[in-house]
C-alpha atoms as a PDB file:
ATOM      1  CA  MET A   1      57.890 129.717 -22.148  1.00  0.00           C
ATOM      2  CA  ALA A   2      60.121 131.999 -20.098  1.00  0.00           C
ATOM      3  CA  PRO A   3      63.457 130.726 -18.830  1.00  0.00           C
ATOM      4  CA  PHE A   4      63.512 129.202 -15.345  1.00  0.00           C
ATOM      5  CA  PRO A   5      65.142 132.188 -13.527  1.00  0.00           C
ATOM      6  CA  ILE A   6      62.509 134.574 -14.910  1.00  0.00           C
ATOM      7  CA  ARG A   7      59.670 132.189 -13.982  1.00  0.00           C
ATOM      8  CA  LYS A   8      61.095 131.858 -10.480  1.00  0.00           C
ATOM      9  CA  ALA A   9      61.364 135.632 -10.078  1.00  0.00           C
ATOM     10  CA  LEU A  10      57.802 136.121 -11.321  1.00  0.00           C
ATOM     11  CA  ALA A  11      56.575 133.404  -8.959  1.00  0.00           C
ATOM     12  CA  ILE A  12      57.914 135.512  -6.085  1.00  0.00           C
ATOM     13  CA  ILE A  13      57.133 139.038  -7.333  1.00  0.00           C
ATOM     14  CA  ILE A  14      53.498 138.534  -8.379  1.00  0.00           C
ATOM     15  CA  PRO A  15      52.280 137.120  -5.028  1.00  0.00           C
ATOM     16  CA  ALA A  16      54.278 139.767  -3.150  1.00  0.00           C
ATOM     17  CA  ILE A  17      52.560 142.566  -5.083  1.00  0.00           C
ATOM     18  CA  THR A  18      49.203 140.885  -4.470  1.00  0.00           C
ATOM     19  CA  VAL A  19      49.843 140.693  -0.716  1.00  0.00           C
ATOM     20  CA  ILE A  20      50.819 144.359  -0.556  1.00  0.00           C
ATOM     21  CA  LEU A  21      47.721 145.402  -2.506  1.00  0.00           C
ATOM     22  CA  LEU A  22      45.414 143.313  -0.313  1.00  0.00           C
ATOM     23  CA  PHE A  23      46.918 144.770   2.873  1.00  0.00           C
ATOM     24  CA  VAL A  24      46.397 148.291   1.540  1.00  0.00           C
ATOM     25  CA  LEU A  25      42.788 147.516   0.653  1.00  0.00           C
ATOM     26  CA  ALA A  26      42.173 145.915   4.047  1.00  0.00           C
ATOM     27  CA  GLY A  27      43.586 149.022   5.728  1.00  0.00           C
ATOM     28  CA  ASP A  28      41.268 151.244   3.714  1.00  0.00           C
ATOM     29  CA  ALA A  29      38.296 149.035   4.598  1.00  0.00           C
ATOM     30  CA  PHE A  30      39.211 149.204   8.276  1.00  0.00           C
ATOM     31  CA  ASP A  31      39.535 152.997   8.132  1.00  0.00           C
ATOM     32  CA  TYR A  32      36.111 153.222   6.479  1.00  0.00           C
ATOM     33  CA  PHE A  33      34.604 150.942   9.119  1.00  0.00           C
ATOM     34  CA  MET A  34      36.080 152.985  11.968  1.00  0.00           C
ATOM     35  CA  SER A  35      34.856 156.274  10.491  1.00  0.00           C
ATOM     36  CA  LEU A  36      31.373 154.795  10.098  1.00  0.00           C
ATOM     37  CA  TYR A  37      31.472 153.454  13.658  1.00  0.00           C
ATOM     38  CA  LYS A  38      32.577 156.799  15.104  1.00  0.00           C
ATOM     39  CA  SER A  39      29.952 158.754  13.157  1.00  0.00           C
ATOM     40  CA  GLY A  40      27.066 156.990  14.907  1.00  0.00           C
ATOM     41  CA  ARG A  41      24.937 156.821  11.756  1.00  0.00           C
ATOM     42  CA  VAL A  42      21.902 154.559  11.727  1.00  0.00           C
ATOM     43  CA  THR A  43      20.057 152.960   8.830  1.00  0.00           C
ATOM     44  CA  THR A  44      16.848 154.633   7.715  1.00  0.00           C
ATOM     45  CA  ALA A  45      14.415 151.736   7.854  1.00  0.00           C
ATOM     46  CA  LEU A  46      15.687 149.585  10.704  1.00  0.00           C
ATOM     47  CA  GLN A  47      17.296 152.273  12.864  1.00  0.00           C
ATOM     48  CA  MET A  48      20.261 150.014  13.518  1.00  0.00           C
ATOM     49  CA  PRO A  49      23.890 151.187  13.446  1.00  0.00           C
ATOM     50  CA  ALA A  50      25.203 151.476   9.892  1.00  0.00           C
ATOM     51  CA  TRP A  51      28.533 149.890  10.857  1.00  0.00           C
ATOM     52  CA  VAL A  52      26.757 146.553  11.358  1.00  0.00           C
ATOM     53  CA  MET A  53      26.281 146.321   7.583  1.00  0.00           C
ATOM     54  CA  VAL A  54      29.993 146.680   6.845  1.00  0.00           C
ATOM     55  CA  ILE A  55      31.559 144.942   9.860  1.00  0.00           C
ATOM     56  CA  PHE A  56      32.793 142.016   7.744  1.00  0.00           C
ATOM     57  CA  THR A  57      34.324 144.148   4.976  1.00  0.00           C
ATOM     58  CA  PRO A  58      37.854 144.205   6.481  1.00  0.00           C
ATOM     59  CA  LEU A  59      37.665 140.456   7.060  1.00  0.00           C
ATOM     60  CA  VAL A  60      36.691 139.499   3.513  1.00  0.00           C
END
């Protein structure tokens, strides 16, 4: 219902904001993964490194 120039601007602005937000979230996930990796924590039951559980978080 919006005029064409406004629709065109929104078609550019909305995906750009989404990309920026997803890059920020991916950076935060990577920082969390690296802090978990460097801490050397292990899971209680399996005694495996805790970073194994979250290794795919930055990729998703």
